[in-house]
PDB file of N, CA and C in Angstrom:
ATOM      1  N   MET A   1      -8.954 -26.243 102.422  1.00  0.00           N
ATOM      2  CA  MET A   1      -8.951 -25.288 101.405  1.00  0.00           C
ATOM      3  C   MET A   1     -10.328 -25.146 100.682  1.00  0.00           C
ATOM      4  N   ILE A   2     -10.994 -26.237 100.549  1.00  0.00           N
ATOM      5  CA  ILE A   2     -12.264 -26.200  99.933  1.00  0.00           C
ATOM      6  C   ILE A   2     -13.297 -25.381 100.887  1.00  0.00           C
ATOM      7  N   LYS A   3     -13.099 -25.603 102.214  1.00  0.00           N
ATOM      8  CA  LYS A   3     -13.952 -24.866 103.082  1.00  0.00           C
ATOM      9  C   LYS A   3     -13.675 -23.359 102.959  1.00  0.00           C
ATOM     10  N   THR A   4     -12.508 -22.988 102.711  1.00  0.00           N
ATOM     11  CA  THR A   4     -12.155 -21.431 102.510  1.00  0.00           C
ATOM     12  C   THR A   4     -12.805 -20.979 101.242  1.00  0.00           C
ATOM     13  N   LEU A   5     -12.733 -21.866 100.147  1.00  0.00           N
ATOM     14  CA  LEU A   5     -13.413 -21.476  98.849  1.00  0.00           C
ATOM     15  C   LEU A   5     -14.946 -21.378  98.974  1.00  0.00           C
ATOM     16  N   ILE A   6     -15.514 -22.325  99.781  1.00  0.00           N
ATOM     17  CA  ILE A   6     -16.931 -22.214  99.970  1.00  0.00           C
ATOM     18  C   ILE A   6     -17.309 -20.916 100.677  1.00  0.00           C
ATOM     19  N   GLY A   7     -16.490 -20.701 101.772  1.00  0.00           N
ATOM     20  CA  GLY A   7     -16.742 -19.502 102.522  1.00  0.00           C
ATOM     21  C   GLY A   7     -16.654 -18.170 101.712  1.00  0.00           C
ATOM     22  N   ALA A   8     -15.643 -18.138 100.920  1.00  0.00           N
ATOM     23  CA  ALA A   8     -15.450 -17.045 100.048  1.00  0.00           C
ATOM     24  C   ALA A   8     -16.543 -16.939  99.024  1.00  0.00           C
ATOM     25  N   ALA A   9     -17.025 -17.986  98.556  1.00  0.00           N
ATOM     26  CA  ALA A   9     -18.225 -18.035  97.630  1.00  0.00           C
ATOM     27  C   ALA A   9     -19.483 -17.417  98.351  1.00  0.00           C
ATOM     28  N   ALA A  10     -19.657 -17.811  99.597  1.00  0.00           N
ATOM     29  CA  ALA A  10     -20.772 -17.269 100.383  1.00  0.00           C
ATOM     30  C   ALA A  10     -20.638 -15.860 100.522  1.00  0.00           C
ATOM     31  N   VAL A  11     -19.417 -15.408 100.873  1.00  0.00           N
ATOM     32  CA  VAL A  11     -19.214 -13.879 100.986  1.00  0.00           C
ATOM     33  C   VAL A  11     -19.521 -13.317  99.653  1.00  0.00           C
ATOM     34  N   ALA A  12     -19.044 -13.788  98.677  1.00  0.00           N
ATOM     35  CA  ALA A  12     -19.256 -13.160  97.232  1.00  0.00           C
ATOM     36  C   ALA A  12     -20.725 -13.133  96.935  1.00  0.00           C
ATOM     37  N   ALA A  13     -21.462 -14.102  97.389  1.00  0.00           N
ATOM     38  CA  ALA A  13     -22.922 -14.242  97.031  1.00  0.00           C
ATOM     39  C   ALA A  13     -23.581 -13.051  97.857  1.00  0.00           C
ATOM     40  N   VAL A  14     -23.267 -12.887  99.046  1.00  0.00           N
ATOM     41  CA  VAL A  14     -23.773 -11.748  99.857  1.00  0.00           C
ATOM     42  C   VAL A  14     -23.393 -10.475  99.269  1.00  0.00           C
ATOM     43  N   ALA A  15     -22.167 -10.300  98.833  1.00  0.00           N
ATOM     44  CA  ALA A  15     -21.676  -9.100  98.293  1.00  0.00           C
ATOM     45  C   ALA A  15     -22.471  -8.794  96.928  1.00  0.00           C
ATOM     46  N   CYS A  16     -22.771  -9.799  96.208  1.00  0.00           N
ATOM     47  CA  CYS A  16     -23.482  -9.692  94.947  1.00  0.00           C
ATOM     48  C   CYS A  16     -24.848  -9.081  95.218  1.00  0.00           C
ATOM     49  N   ALA A  17     -25.482  -9.478  96.340  1.00  0.00           N
ATOM     50  CA  ALA A  17     -26.795  -8.932  96.685  1.00  0.00           C
ATOM     51  C   ALA A  17     -26.727  -7.445  97.124  1.00  0.00           C
ATOM     52  N   VAL A  18     -25.495  -7.013  97.607  1.00  0.00           N
ATOM     53  CA  VAL A  18     -25.343  -5.641  98.003  1.00  0.00           C
ATOM     54  C   VAL A  18     -24.788  -4.657  96.982  1.00  0.00           C
ATOM     55  N   VAL A  19     -24.151  -5.272  96.000  1.00  0.00           N
ATOM     56  CA  VAL A  19     -23.565  -4.402  94.973  1.00  0.00           C
ATOM     57  C   VAL A  19     -24.663  -3.871  94.074  1.00  0.00           C
ATOM     58  N   PRO A  20     -24.602  -2.515  93.800  1.00  0.00           N
ATOM     59  CA  PRO A  20     -25.641  -1.839  93.063  1.00  0.00           C
ATOM     60  C   PRO A  20     -25.792  -2.448  91.646  1.00  0.00           C
ATOM     61  N   ALA A  21     -26.943  -2.479  91.158  1.00  0.00           N
ATOM     62  CA  ALA A  21     -27.188  -3.048  89.806  1.00  0.00           C
ATOM     63  C   ALA A  21     -26.299  -2.440  88.641  1.00  0.00           C
ATOM     64  N   HIS A  22     -26.174  -1.122  88.727  1.00  0.00           N
ATOM     65  CA  HIS A  22     -25.532  -0.379  87.646  1.00  0.00           C
ATOM     66  C   HIS A  22     -24.049  -0.774  87.670  1.00  0.00           C
ATOM     67  N   ALA A  23     -23.456  -1.049  88.893  1.00  0.00           N
ATOM     68  CA  ALA A  23     -22.040  -1.480  88.943  1.00  0.00           C
ATOM     69  C   ALA A  23     -21.899  -2.831  88.358  1.00  0.00           C
ATOM     70  N   ALA A  24     -22.823  -3.811  88.610  1.00  0.00           N
ATOM     71  CA  ALA A  24     -22.710  -5.085  87.996  1.00  0.00           C
ATOM     72  C   ALA A  24     -22.745  -5.024  86.504  1.00  0.00           C
ATOM     73  N   LYS A  25     -23.610  -4.123  85.945  1.00  0.00           N
ATOM     74  CA  LYS A  25     -23.642  -4.042  84.454  1.00  0.00           C
ATOM     75  C   LYS A  25     -22.444  -3.415  83.913  1.00  0.00           C
ATOM     76  N   ARG A  26     -21.762  -2.423  84.651  1.00  0.00           N
ATOM     77  CA  ARG A  26     -20.569  -1.801  84.167  1.00  0.00           C
ATOM     78  C   ARG A  26     -19.454  -2.809  84.141  1.00  0.00           C
ATOM     79  N   GLY A  27     -19.434  -3.831  85.106  1.00  0.00           N
ATOM     80  CA  GLY A  27     -18.335  -4.792  85.180  1.00  0.00           C
ATOM     81  C   GLY A  27     -18.210  -5.619  83.871  1.00  0.00           C
ATOM     82  N   GLY A  28     -19.173  -5.619  82.986  1.00  0.00           N
ATOM     83  CA  GLY A  28     -18.991  -6.274  81.742  1.00  0.00           C
ATOM     84  C   GLY A  28     -19.038  -7.788  81.834  1.00  0.00           C
ATOM     85  N   VAL A  29     -18.126  -8.489  81.526  1.00  0.00           N
ATOM     86  CA  VAL A  29     -18.071  -9.855  81.195  1.00  0.00           C
ATOM     87  C   VAL A  29     -18.447 -10.675  82.478  1.00  0.00           C
ATOM     88  N   GLY A  30     -19.748 -10.837  82.719  1.00  0.00           N
ATOM     89  CA  GLY A  30     -20.278 -11.814  83.692  1.00  0.00           C
ATOM     90  C   GLY A  30     -19.825 -11.913  85.057  1.00  0.00           C
ATOM     91  N   CYS A  31     -19.459 -10.810  85.715  1.00  0.00           N
ATOM     92  CA  CYS A  31     -19.091 -10.822  87.176  1.00  0.00           C
ATOM     93  C   CYS A  31     -20.382 -10.816  87.954  1.00  0.00           C
ATOM     94  N   SER A  32     -21.027 -11.946  88.097  1.00  0.00           N
ATOM     95  CA  SER A  32     -22.222 -12.023  88.987  1.00  0.00           C
ATOM     96  C   SER A  32     -22.130 -13.313  89.939  1.00  0.00           C
ATOM     97  N   GLY A  33     -22.987 -13.326  90.865  1.00  0.00           N
ATOM     98  CA  GLY A  33     -23.002 -14.424  91.828  1.00  0.00           C
ATOM     99  C   GLY A  33     -23.267 -15.779  91.101  1.00  0.00           C
ATOM    100  N   ASP A  34     -24.178 -15.706  90.137  1.00  0.00           N
ATOM    101  CA  ASP A  34     -24.502 -16.891  89.371  1.00  0.00           C
ATOM    102  C   ASP A  34     -23.234 -17.443  88.642  1.00  0.00           C
ATOM    103  N   ASN A  35     -22.508 -16.521  87.966  1.00  0.00           N
ATOM    104  CA  ASN A  35     -21.397 -17.047  87.187  1.00  0.00           C
ATOM    105  C   ASN A  35     -20.304 -17.372  88.051  1.00  0.00           C
ATOM    106  N   LEU A  36     -20.143 -16.703  89.240  1.00  0.00           N
ATOM    107  CA  LEU A  36     -19.065 -17.196  90.167  1.00  0.00           C
ATOM    108  C   LEU A  36     -19.402 -18.544  90.656  1.00  0.00           C
ATOM    109  N   GLY A  37     -20.653 -18.898  91.079  1.00  0.00           N
ATOM    110  CA  GLY A  37     -21.045 -20.218  91.377  1.00  0.00           C
ATOM    111  C   GLY A  37     -20.836 -21.219  90.457  1.00  0.00           C
ATOM    112  N   LYS A  38     -21.290 -21.029  89.182  1.00  0.00           N
ATOM    113  CA  LYS A  38     -21.184 -21.970  88.034  1.00  0.00           C
ATOM    114  C   LYS A  38     -19.764 -22.274  87.784  1.00  0.00           C
ATOM    115  N   THR A  39     -18.833 -21.212  87.684  1.00  0.00           N
ATOM    116  CA  THR A  39     -17.429 -21.346  87.411  1.00  0.00           C
ATOM    117  C   THR A  39     -16.809 -22.166  88.621  1.00  0.00           C
ATOM    118  N   GLU A  40     -17.163 -21.861  89.863  1.00  0.00           N
ATOM    119  CA  GLU A  40     -16.612 -22.542  91.065  1.00  0.00           C
ATOM    120  C   GLU A  40     -16.952 -24.080  91.035  1.00  0.00           C
ATOM    121  N   SER A  41     -18.214 -24.358  90.567  1.00  0.00           N
ATOM    122  CA  SER A  41     -18.674 -25.723  90.545  1.00  0.00           C
ATOM    123  C   SER A  41     -17.798 -26.506  89.485  1.00  0.00           C
ATOM    124  N   ALA A  42     -17.546 -25.838  88.395  1.00  0.00           N
ATOM    125  CA  ALA A  42     -16.809 -26.502  87.232  1.00  0.00           C
ATOM    126  C   ALA A  42     -15.327 -26.810  87.771  1.00  0.00           C
ATOM    127  N   ILE A  43     -14.838 -25.855  88.548  1.00  0.00           N
ATOM    128  CA  ILE A  43     -13.397 -26.010  88.976  1.00  0.00           C
ATOM    129  C   ILE A  43     -13.419 -27.183  89.987  1.00  0.00           C
ATOM    130  N   GLU A  44     -14.334 -27.205  90.834  1.00  0.00           N
ATOM    131  CA  GLU A  44     -14.347 -28.275  91.898  1.00  0.00           C
ATOM    132  C   GLU A  44     -14.431 -29.656  91.343  1.00  0.00           C
ATOM    133  N   ALA A  45     -15.099 -29.672  90.062  1.00  0.00           N
ATOM    134  CA  ALA A  45     -15.240 -31.023  89.416  1.00  0.00           C
ATOM    135  C   ALA A  45     -13.905 -31.484  88.701  1.00  0.00           C
ATOM    136  N   MET A  46     -12.978 -30.512  88.647  1.00  0.00           N
ATOM    137  CA  MET A  46     -11.732 -30.757  87.893  1.00  0.00           C
ATOM    138  C   MET A  46     -10.901 -31.726  88.796  1.00  0.00           C
ATOM    139  N   ALA A  47      -9.975 -32.575  88.118  1.00  0.00           N
ATOM    140  CA  ALA A  47      -9.080 -33.402  88.812  1.00  0.00           C
ATOM    141  C   ALA A  47      -7.889 -32.432  89.287  1.00  0.00           C
ATOM    142  N   ASP A  48      -7.329 -32.803  90.471  1.00  0.00           N
ATOM    143  CA  ASP A  48      -6.280 -31.946  90.999  1.00  0.00           C
ATOM    144  C   ASP A  48      -5.153 -31.964  90.038  1.00  0.00           C
ATOM    145  N   SER A  49      -4.705 -30.665  89.577  1.00  0.00           N
ATOM    146  CA  SER A  49      -3.656 -30.363  88.694  1.00  0.00           C
ATOM    147  C   SER A  49      -3.133 -28.958  88.808  1.00  0.00           C
ATOM    148  N   GLU A  50      -2.135 -28.623  88.199  1.00  0.00           N
ATOM    149  CA  GLU A  50      -1.729 -27.275  88.191  1.00  0.00           C
ATOM    150  C   GLU A  50      -2.730 -26.343  87.652  1.00  0.00           C
ATOM    151  N   VAL A  51      -3.506 -26.781  86.535  1.00  0.00           N
ATOM    152  CA  VAL A  51      -4.540 -26.008  85.932  1.00  0.00           C
ATOM    153  C   VAL A  51      -5.612 -25.719  86.971  1.00  0.00           C
ATOM    154  N   LYS A  52      -6.054 -26.753  87.702  1.00  0.00           N
ATOM    155  CA  LYS A  52      -7.026 -26.508  88.673  1.00  0.00           C
ATOM    156  C   LYS A  52      -6.578 -25.530  89.826  1.00  0.00           C
ATOM    157  N   PHE A  53      -5.377 -25.649  90.188  1.00  0.00           N
ATOM    158  CA  PHE A  53      -4.904 -24.758  91.232  1.00  0.00           C
ATOM    159  C   PHE A  53      -4.821 -23.310  90.735  1.00  0.00           C
ATOM    160  N   ALA A  54      -4.436 -23.153  89.406  1.00  0.00           N
ATOM    161  CA  ALA A  54      -4.437 -21.847  88.836  1.00  0.00           C
ATOM    162  C   ALA A  54      -5.872 -21.227  88.727  1.00  0.00           C
ATOM    163  N   ALA A  55      -6.739 -22.138  88.435  1.00  0.00           N
ATOM    164  CA  ALA A  55      -8.234 -21.568  88.280  1.00  0.00           C
ATOM    165  C   ALA A  55      -8.771 -21.206  89.670  1.00  0.00           C
ATOM    166  N   GLU A  56      -8.323 -21.982  90.634  1.00  0.00           N
ATOM    167  CA  GLU A  56      -8.739 -21.574  92.019  1.00  0.00           C
ATOM    168  C   GLU A  56      -8.178 -20.274  92.445  1.00  0.00           C
ATOM    169  N   ARG A  57      -6.958 -19.928  92.103  1.00  0.00           N
ATOM    170  CA  ARG A  57      -6.385 -18.720  92.364  1.00  0.00           C
ATOM    171  C   ARG A  57      -7.077 -17.588  91.702  1.00  0.00           C
ATOM    172  N   GLU A  58      -7.476 -17.757  90.407  1.00  0.00           N
ATOM    173  CA  GLU A  58      -8.198 -16.774  89.622  1.00  0.00           C
ATOM    174  C   GLU A  58      -9.594 -16.571  90.292  1.00  0.00           C
ATOM    175  N   MET A  59     -10.254 -17.609  90.801  1.00  0.00           N
ATOM    176  CA  MET A  59     -11.475 -17.478  91.444  1.00  0.00           C
ATOM    177  C   MET A  59     -11.400 -16.554  92.660  1.00  0.00           C
ATOM    178  N   SER A  60     -10.260 -16.912  93.426  1.00  0.00           N
ATOM    179  CA  SER A  60     -10.054 -16.210  94.624  1.00  0.00           C
ATOM    180  C   SER A  60      -9.901 -14.693  94.347  1.00  0.00           C
ATOM    181  N   LEU A  61      -9.020 -14.452  93.309  1.00  0.00           N
ATOM    182  CA  LEU A  61      -8.935 -13.048  92.898  1.00  0.00           C
ATOM    183  C   LEU A  61     -10.119 -12.369  92.404  1.00  0.00           C
ATOM    184  N   ALA A  62     -11.015 -13.092  91.666  1.00  0.00           N
ATOM    185  CA  ALA A  62     -12.271 -12.576  91.178  1.00  0.00           C
ATOM    186  C   ALA A  62     -13.195 -12.173  92.352  1.00  0.00           C
ATOM    187  N   GLN A  63     -13.203 -13.142  93.320  1.00  0.00           N
ATOM    188  CA  GLN A  63     -14.067 -12.881  94.563  1.00  0.00           C
ATOM    189  C   GLN A  63     -13.545 -11.655  95.319  1.00  0.00           C
ATOM    190  N   ASP A  64     -12.350 -11.498  95.418  1.00  0.00           N
ATOM    191  CA  ASP A  64     -11.859 -10.338  96.154  1.00  0.00           C
ATOM    192  C   ASP A  64     -11.987  -9.087  95.497  1.00  0.00           C
ATOM    193  N   ALA A  65     -11.938  -9.132  94.061  1.00  0.00           N
ATOM    194  CA  ALA A  65     -12.189  -7.913  93.358  1.00  0.00           C
ATOM    195  C   ALA A  65     -13.713  -7.515  93.432  1.00  0.00           C
ATOM    196  N   MET A  66     -14.538  -8.560  93.468  1.00  0.00           N
ATOM    197  CA  MET A  66     -15.993  -8.299  93.495  1.00  0.00           C
ATOM    198  C   MET A  66     -16.370  -7.645  94.815  1.00  0.00           C
ATOM    199  N   LEU A  67     -15.700  -8.174  95.905  1.00  0.00           N
ATOM    200  CA  LEU A  67     -15.959  -7.697  97.239  1.00  0.00           C
ATOM    201  C   LEU A  67     -15.514  -6.261  97.392  1.00  0.00           C
ATOM    202  N   ASN A  68     -14.475  -5.868  96.691  1.00  0.00           N
ATOM    203  CA  ASN A  68     -13.940  -4.526  96.708  1.00  0.00           C
ATOM    204  C   ASN A  68     -14.520  -3.597  95.669  1.00  0.00           C
ATOM    205  N   GLY A  69     -15.527  -4.077  94.906  1.00  0.00           N
ATOM    206  CA  GLY A  69     -16.218  -3.204  93.955  1.00  0.00           C
ATOM    207  C   GLY A  69     -15.463  -3.047  92.613  1.00  0.00           C
ATOM    208  N   ARG A  70     -14.449  -3.775  92.417  1.00  0.00           N
ATOM    209  CA  ARG A  70     -13.699  -3.719  91.074  1.00  0.00           C
ATOM    210  C   ARG A  70     -14.236  -4.676  90.203  1.00  0.00           C
ATOM    211  N   MET A  71     -15.499  -4.362  89.563  1.00  0.00           N
ATOM    212  CA  MET A  71     -16.216  -5.368  88.638  1.00  0.00           C
ATOM    213  C   MET A  71     -15.392  -5.696  87.496  1.00  0.00           C
ATOM    214  N   GLY A  72     -14.708  -4.854  86.861  1.00  0.00           N
ATOM    215  CA  GLY A  72     -13.935  -5.119  85.575  1.00  0.00           C
ATOM    216  C   GLY A  72     -12.852  -6.075  85.843  1.00  0.00           C
ATOM    217  N   GLU A  73     -12.185  -5.881  87.010  1.00  0.00           N
ATOM    218  CA  GLU A  73     -11.084  -6.841  87.444  1.00  0.00           C
ATOM    219  C   GLU A  73     -11.847  -8.161  87.728  1.00  0.00           C
ATOM    220  N   CYS A  74     -12.898  -8.168  88.382  1.00  0.00           N
ATOM    221  CA  CYS A  74     -13.524  -9.364  88.813  1.00  0.00           C
ATOM    222  C   CYS A  74     -13.867 -10.223  87.457  1.00  0.00           C
ATOM    223  N   GLY A  75     -14.455  -9.506  86.478  1.00  0.00           N
ATOM    224  CA  GLY A  75     -14.752 -10.168  85.193  1.00  0.00           C
ATOM    225  C   GLY A  75     -13.594 -10.750  84.519  1.00  0.00           C
ATOM    226  N   MET A  76     -12.453 -10.048  84.626  1.00  0.00           N
ATOM    227  CA  MET A  76     -11.220 -10.530  83.987  1.00  0.00           C
ATOM    228  C   MET A  76     -10.795 -11.849  84.704  1.00  0.00           C
ATOM    229  N   HIS A  77     -10.716 -11.809  85.963  1.00  0.00           N
ATOM    230  CA  HIS A  77     -10.249 -13.111  86.716  1.00  0.00           C
ATOM    231  C   HIS A  77     -11.245 -14.163  86.551  1.00  0.00           C
ATOM    232  N   LEU A  78     -12.540 -13.885  86.590  1.00  0.00           N
ATOM    233  CA  LEU A  78     -13.532 -14.881  86.354  1.00  0.00           C
ATOM    234  C   LEU A  78     -13.519 -15.550  84.943  1.00  0.00           C
ATOM    235  N   SER A  79     -13.163 -14.698  83.945  1.00  0.00           N
ATOM    236  CA  SER A  79     -13.023 -15.266  82.630  1.00  0.00           C
ATOM    237  C   SER A  79     -11.800 -16.211  82.597  1.00  0.00           C
ATOM    238  N   LYS A  80     -10.715 -15.719  83.220  1.00  0.00           N
ATOM    239  CA  LYS A  80      -9.506 -16.707  83.225  1.00  0.00           C
ATOM    240  C   LYS A  80      -9.802 -18.010  83.909  1.00  0.00           C
ATOM    241  N   ALA A  81     -10.583 -17.905  85.036  1.00  0.00           N
ATOM    242  CA  ALA A  81     -10.960 -19.119  85.759  1.00  0.00           C
ATOM    243  C   ALA A  81     -11.917 -20.047  84.952  1.00  0.00           C
ATOM    244  N   ALA A  82     -12.835 -19.430  84.286  1.00  0.00           N
ATOM    245  CA  ALA A  82     -13.726 -20.253  83.386  1.00  0.00           C
ATOM    246  C   ALA A  82     -13.065 -20.911  82.241  1.00  0.00           C
ATOM    247  N   HIS A  83     -12.034 -20.174  81.623  1.00  0.00           N
ATOM    248  CA  HIS A  83     -11.339 -20.789  80.651  1.00  0.00           C
ATOM    249  C   HIS A  83     -10.494 -21.977  81.089  1.00  0.00           C
ATOM    250  N   ALA A  84      -9.823 -21.752  82.318  1.00  0.00           N
ATOM    251  CA  ALA A  84      -9.062 -22.852  82.769  1.00  0.00           C
ATOM    252  C   ALA A  84      -9.952 -24.022  83.181  1.00  0.00           C
ATOM    253  N   SER A  85     -11.174 -23.758  83.630  1.00  0.00           N
ATOM    254  CA  SER A  85     -12.026 -24.910  83.958  1.00  0.00           C
ATOM    255  C   SER A  85     -12.485 -25.784  82.834  1.00  0.00           C
ATOM    256  N   MET A  86     -12.463 -25.111  81.589  1.00  0.00           N
ATOM    257  CA  MET A  86     -12.790 -25.844  80.352  1.00  0.00           C
ATOM    258  C   MET A  86     -11.563 -26.636  79.802  1.00  0.00           C
ATOM    259  N   ALA A  87     -10.436 -26.350  80.361  1.00  0.00           N
ATOM    260  CA  ALA A  87      -9.187 -27.094  79.896  1.00  0.00           C
ATOM    261  C   ALA A  87      -9.201 -28.590  80.309  1.00  0.00           C
ATOM    262  N   LYS A  88      -8.857 -29.325  79.394  1.00  0.00           N
ATOM    263  CA  LYS A  88      -8.839 -30.838  79.780  1.00  0.00           C
ATOM    264  C   LYS A  88      -7.461 -31.339  80.222  1.00  0.00           C
TER     265      LYS A  88
END
């Protein structure tokens, strides 16, 4: 599962390089390759729990949205994943 997430993060990083700059700005709340990477690192550091699994699902949805050019949706899912990664 971690290999799948790492692969998806790599694809998201490539997509971030391809997405036009104006689309990234329109996406609003931090849907960027850097923010995806930071959030994913925080999630990986979490202990296995339902909260971690929910955060992983949100990351997957954020990456999928980013790859499909839905930057607003990506930002929404990334925000949910980031909030879950801060939960103790």
